[in-house]
Amino acid sequence: MDSLSQKMLLELVESRRFGVEYQPIVELKTGDFFAYEALSRFRSLSGELIRPDYVYAALHDNPLLLFQVELAQKKIQLESLSNSERVFVNLDQDAFYACGQHAEDNPFVELIQAAGRDRVVVELIENSEISDALMSLSMIELFNGLGIRTALDDLCNPKSMLSVAVLQLVEWVKLDKCVLEKRLDANFMVFVSKIIDFAHATGKQVILEGVEVEEDLAFARRIGVDYVQGFYFRSGFLSH
C-alpha cells in the first residue's frame, strides 16, 4: 500500500483502528530508561499495520479530520502510559493551528498541561516547507511561554530543512536514524559532530534515534550523544 484513499481513511477514522507503541529512550551513561516516545500506529481491516506517514499524508488534505485524529491520538498516548513515566509526543503543527491561534483555548495545550508539564516533551518535526518551519517556531515560542518542554525531531533527515531559530529554542535535539545509515560518510559526520557540539554548548540534550543493534549503541557512544532510542530496547503496543 503506497497511499491511502479518502474512503479508506474515513473508514479507519470512524472505526478508530489506531493505537500507540512506546519506544524507550535510554540514557547512555547509566543504561536507565529515561522516557518513552509515543508512536502513532494504524491498522487495516485485516489487522495489518499501515504506515503512519501514509495516514498523515492523506489527513493533510482534510484539516478538520487531521485535527480530530491528532487530538484522539494524543489522548491515547498520554493516557495509556503510567503517570510516573516521561513521554515524548509528536505534534503536527497543522493540526495544532486547525483550531485557532490562541493558547488559552487550544485543546492540545489543555491536554498536555493536564498530563503534566514536567512529564511531557513535545516533539516538532523538521520540515522541508518554510511555512511549516515558521509554524514550528511559533509553536515552540508558545510552549516555552507556558513552561512546556520541546524537542526538535528528525534532525539530519534528508527531507528536512534546518531552522536555526527553531534549533536554538528547543531543549532536546533528536538525530534522525539516517545518521546511523550515513555513519561512513565523513563529510556528513562532520556536520553531525558540530550539531552535537552546538547542542551541548547551549545546554541541550541529544538523542540518537533508530538504535537496533549493539553496533548502533557503540556508535552512539563514540559520537557523544546523551540518549538513544530504538527497537534495540523493549517496547509494547497498546490498542485503543
Protein backbone atom coordinates (compact mmCIF):
# COMPACT_ATOMS: atom_id res chain seq x y z
CA MET A 1 0.00 0.00 0.00
CA ASP A 2 1.69 3.20 -1.24
CA SER A 3 -1.12 5.61 -0.37
CA LEU A 4 -4.43 5.83 1.42
CA SER A 5 -7.69 6.73 -0.32
CA GLN A 6 -10.18 9.08 1.33
CA LYS A 7 -12.64 6.20 1.62
CA MET A 8 -10.11 4.01 3.42
CA LEU A 9 -9.09 6.95 5.59
CA LEU A 10 -12.65 7.72 6.68
CA GLU A 11 -13.29 4.05 7.46
CA LEU A 12 -10.11 3.87 9.54
CA VAL A 13 -11.03 7.01 11.50
CA GLU A 14 -14.67 6.05 12.04
CA SER A 15 -13.70 2.60 13.34
CA ARG A 16 -10.86 4.13 15.41
CA ARG A 17 -8.38 1.49 14.35
CA PHE A 18 -5.40 3.29 15.82
CA GLY A 19 -3.26 2.97 18.89
CA VAL A 20 0.17 3.70 20.30
CA GLU A 21 3.53 2.00 20.53
CA TYR A 22 6.00 3.24 23.14
CA GLN A 23 9.67 3.24 22.19
CA PRO A 24 12.14 3.60 25.08
CA ILE A 25 14.62 6.45 25.35
CA VAL A 26 17.65 5.26 27.33
CA GLU A 27 20.39 7.29 29.00
CA LEU A 28 23.76 6.14 27.65
CA LYS A 29 25.81 6.74 30.79
CA THR A 30 23.58 4.80 33.16
CA GLY A 31 21.61 2.48 30.88
CA ASP A 32 18.43 3.67 32.64
CA PHE A 33 15.10 4.05 30.84
CA PHE A 34 14.61 7.82 30.87
CA ALA A 35 11.42 8.27 28.86
CA TYR A 36 9.30 6.86 26.04
CA GLU A 37 8.34 8.24 22.66
CA ALA A 38 4.69 7.66 21.80
CA LEU A 39 4.46 6.44 18.21
CA SER A 40 1.15 6.53 16.34
CA ARG A 41 0.04 3.19 14.94
CA PHE A 42 -2.78 2.42 12.48
CA ARG A 43 -4.24 -0.91 11.38
CA SER A 44 -6.18 -2.07 8.33
CA LEU A 45 -9.43 -4.05 8.48
CA SER A 46 -7.37 -7.25 8.23
CA GLY A 47 -5.21 -6.15 11.17
CA GLU A 48 -2.09 -5.22 9.20
CA LEU A 49 -0.13 -2.13 10.22
CA ILE A 50 -0.50 0.90 7.95
CA ARG A 51 2.46 3.26 7.68
CA PRO A 52 1.71 6.42 9.73
CA ASP A 53 3.17 8.69 7.05
CA TYR A 54 0.58 7.40 4.56
CA VAL A 55 -2.20 8.14 7.02
CA TYR A 56 -0.97 11.63 7.85
CA ALA A 57 -0.34 12.47 4.19
CA ALA A 58 -3.99 11.68 3.50
CA LEU A 59 -5.14 13.54 6.61
CA HIS A 60 -3.43 16.74 5.50
CA ASP A 61 -5.97 17.00 2.68
CA ASN A 62 -8.65 17.42 5.36
CA PRO A 63 -7.55 19.80 8.16
CA LEU A 64 -10.57 19.13 10.37
CA LEU A 65 -10.09 15.36 10.14
CA LEU A 66 -6.37 15.82 10.82
CA PHE A 67 -7.20 17.79 13.95
CA GLN A 68 -9.67 15.16 15.18
CA VAL A 69 -7.30 12.23 14.64
CA GLU A 70 -4.27 14.02 16.10
CA LEU A 71 -6.20 15.01 19.22
CA ALA A 72 -7.60 11.48 19.66
CA GLN A 73 -4.09 10.07 19.23
CA LYS A 74 -2.60 12.43 21.80
CA LYS A 75 -5.28 11.46 24.32
CA ILE A 76 -4.44 7.77 23.85
CA GLN A 77 -0.69 8.42 24.00
CA LEU A 78 -0.86 10.43 27.22
CA GLU A 79 -3.46 8.30 28.99
CA SER A 80 -2.11 4.82 28.18
CA LEU A 81 1.24 5.31 29.92
CA SER A 82 1.80 5.45 33.66
CA ASN A 83 1.69 8.96 35.14
CA SER A 84 5.17 8.34 36.54
CA GLU A 85 6.72 7.94 33.08
CA ARG A 86 8.07 10.77 30.93
CA VAL A 87 6.72 10.79 27.41
CA PHE A 88 7.78 12.45 24.15
CA VAL A 89 4.88 13.13 21.75
CA ASN A 90 4.93 14.38 18.17
CA LEU A 91 2.54 17.21 17.43
CA ASP A 92 1.59 18.18 13.90
CA GLN A 93 1.64 21.96 13.54
CA ASP A 94 -1.20 21.95 11.01
CA ALA A 95 -3.38 20.05 13.48
CA PHE A 96 -2.35 22.36 16.31
CA TYR A 97 -3.36 25.51 14.45
CA ALA A 98 -6.51 24.00 12.91
CA CYS A 99 -8.46 25.14 15.97
CA GLY A 100 -7.08 28.69 16.11
CA GLN A 101 -4.09 30.68 17.26
CA HIS A 102 -4.95 31.19 20.92
CA ALA A 103 -3.20 29.02 23.50
CA GLU A 104 -5.77 29.58 26.23
CA ASP A 105 -8.45 27.58 24.41
CA ASN A 106 -6.28 25.16 22.41
CA PRO A 107 -7.27 21.57 23.29
CA PHE A 108 -3.72 20.29 22.70
CA VAL A 109 -2.34 22.74 25.25
CA GLU A 110 -5.04 21.78 27.74
CA LEU A 111 -4.30 18.08 27.22
CA ILE A 112 -0.54 18.48 27.69
CA GLN A 113 -0.90 20.69 30.75
CA ALA A 114 -3.31 18.19 32.32
CA ALA A 115 -0.80 15.38 31.72
CA GLY A 116 1.94 17.39 33.43
CA ARG A 117 4.44 19.87 32.05
CA ASP A 118 7.33 18.09 33.78
CA ARG A 119 6.27 14.79 32.26
CA VAL A 120 5.61 15.67 28.61
CA VAL A 121 8.05 16.80 25.91
CA VAL A 122 6.51 18.00 22.64
CA GLU A 123 8.42 16.98 19.51
CA LEU A 124 8.30 19.24 16.47
CA ILE A 125 9.29 17.70 13.16
CA GLU A 126 11.85 19.36 10.89
CA ASN A 127 10.00 20.07 7.64
CA SER A 128 11.02 20.92 4.09
CA GLU A 129 8.47 23.73 3.80
CA ILE A 130 9.32 27.23 5.06
CA SER A 131 5.72 27.78 6.17
CA ASP A 132 5.92 24.63 8.32
CA ALA A 133 9.19 25.81 9.87
CA LEU A 134 7.57 29.15 10.75
CA MET A 135 4.63 27.36 12.37
CA SER A 136 7.07 25.14 14.29
CA LEU A 137 8.84 28.25 15.57
CA SER A 138 5.53 29.80 16.60
CA MET A 139 4.54 26.61 18.44
CA ILE A 140 7.87 26.39 20.27
CA GLU A 141 7.62 30.02 21.37
CA LEU A 142 4.09 29.37 22.61
CA PHE A 143 5.08 26.22 24.52
CA ASN A 144 8.15 27.89 26.00
CA GLY A 145 5.94 30.66 27.32
CA LEU A 146 3.76 28.05 29.02
CA GLY A 147 6.72 26.17 30.50
CA ILE A 148 6.16 23.12 28.27
CA ARG A 149 9.38 21.43 27.14
CA THR A 150 10.10 20.88 23.44
CA ALA A 151 12.30 18.74 21.20
CA LEU A 152 13.33 19.03 17.56
CA ASP A 153 12.69 15.71 15.81
CA ASP A 154 14.24 14.14 12.68
CA LEU A 155 17.27 16.44 12.55
CA CYS A 156 19.60 15.43 9.68
CA ASN A 157 16.82 13.68 7.77
CA PRO A 158 17.50 14.28 4.03
CA LYS A 159 13.99 15.73 3.57
CA SER A 160 14.23 18.19 6.46
CA MET A 161 15.24 21.83 6.42
CA LEU A 162 17.29 23.14 9.33
CA SER A 163 15.82 26.20 11.03
CA VAL A 164 18.42 27.87 13.24
CA ALA A 165 15.72 29.76 15.14
CA VAL A 166 13.87 26.52 15.94
CA LEU A 167 17.10 24.74 16.88
CA GLN A 168 18.03 27.47 19.34
CA LEU A 169 14.75 27.34 21.27
CA VAL A 170 14.27 23.60 21.87
CA GLU A 171 15.61 21.75 24.91
CA TRP A 172 16.14 18.44 23.11
CA VAL A 173 17.64 17.55 19.73
CA LYS A 174 16.74 14.19 18.17
CA LEU A 175 19.03 12.94 15.42
CA ASP A 176 17.22 11.01 12.70
CA LYS A 177 18.08 7.34 12.15
CA CYS A 178 19.68 8.32 8.84
CA VAL A 179 22.71 9.35 10.92
CA LEU A 180 23.29 5.63 11.53
CA GLU A 181 22.82 4.86 7.84
CA LYS A 182 25.34 7.53 6.81
CA ARG A 183 27.90 6.92 9.56
CA LEU A 184 30.62 6.17 6.98
CA ASP A 185 30.08 9.47 5.17
CA ALA A 186 32.94 11.57 6.57
CA ASN A 187 31.62 14.96 5.41
CA PHE A 188 28.15 14.25 6.75
CA MET A 189 29.56 13.16 10.11
CA VAL A 190 31.48 16.45 10.43
CA PHE A 191 28.11 18.21 10.33
CA VAL A 192 26.59 15.79 12.86
CA SER A 193 29.55 16.31 15.19
CA LYS A 194 29.15 20.08 15.07
CA ILE A 195 25.41 19.82 15.73
CA ILE A 196 26.15 17.73 18.84
CA ASP A 197 28.80 20.23 19.95
CA PHE A 198 26.37 23.11 19.46
CA ALA A 199 23.64 21.31 21.39
CA HIS A 200 25.89 20.62 24.35
CA ALA A 201 27.39 24.11 24.32
CA THR A 202 23.88 25.59 24.55
CA GLY A 203 22.60 23.26 27.26
CA LYS A 204 20.61 20.87 25.10
CA GLN A 205 20.38 17.08 25.30
CA VAL A 206 20.91 14.91 22.21
CA ILE A 207 19.02 11.70 21.39
CA LEU A 208 20.01 9.33 18.57
CA GLU A 209 17.04 7.51 17.04
CA GLY A 210 16.97 4.18 15.23
CA VAL A 211 19.26 2.15 17.52
CA GLU A 212 18.55 -1.52 16.77
CA VAL A 213 21.78 -3.49 17.25
CA GLU A 214 24.84 -3.44 19.52
CA GLU A 215 26.90 -1.79 16.78
CA ASP A 216 24.46 1.15 16.75
CA LEU A 217 24.84 1.52 20.51
CA ALA A 218 28.64 1.56 20.24
CA PHE A 219 28.42 4.22 17.51
CA ALA A 220 26.16 6.36 19.72
CA ARG A 221 28.80 6.27 22.46
CA ARG A 222 31.54 7.26 20.01
CA ILE A 223 29.76 10.36 18.73
CA GLY A 224 28.86 11.51 22.23
CA VAL A 225 25.06 11.65 22.30
CA ASP A 226 23.29 11.64 25.66
CA TYR A 227 20.42 9.25 24.96
CA VAL A 228 19.48 6.57 22.46
CA GLN A 229 16.11 5.40 21.20
CA GLY A 230 15.14 2.37 19.14
CA PHE A 231 13.95 -1.21 18.92
CA TYR A 232 17.17 -2.47 20.45
CA PHE A 233 15.20 -1.93 23.64
CA ARG A 234 11.87 -3.39 24.60
CA SER A 235 8.64 -1.73 23.51
CA GLY A 236 4.96 -2.51 23.60
CA PHE A 237 1.84 -1.91 21.53
CA LEU A 238 -1.34 -0.74 23.15
CA SER A 239 -4.51 -0.69 21.10
CA HIS A 240 -7.32 1.67 21.95
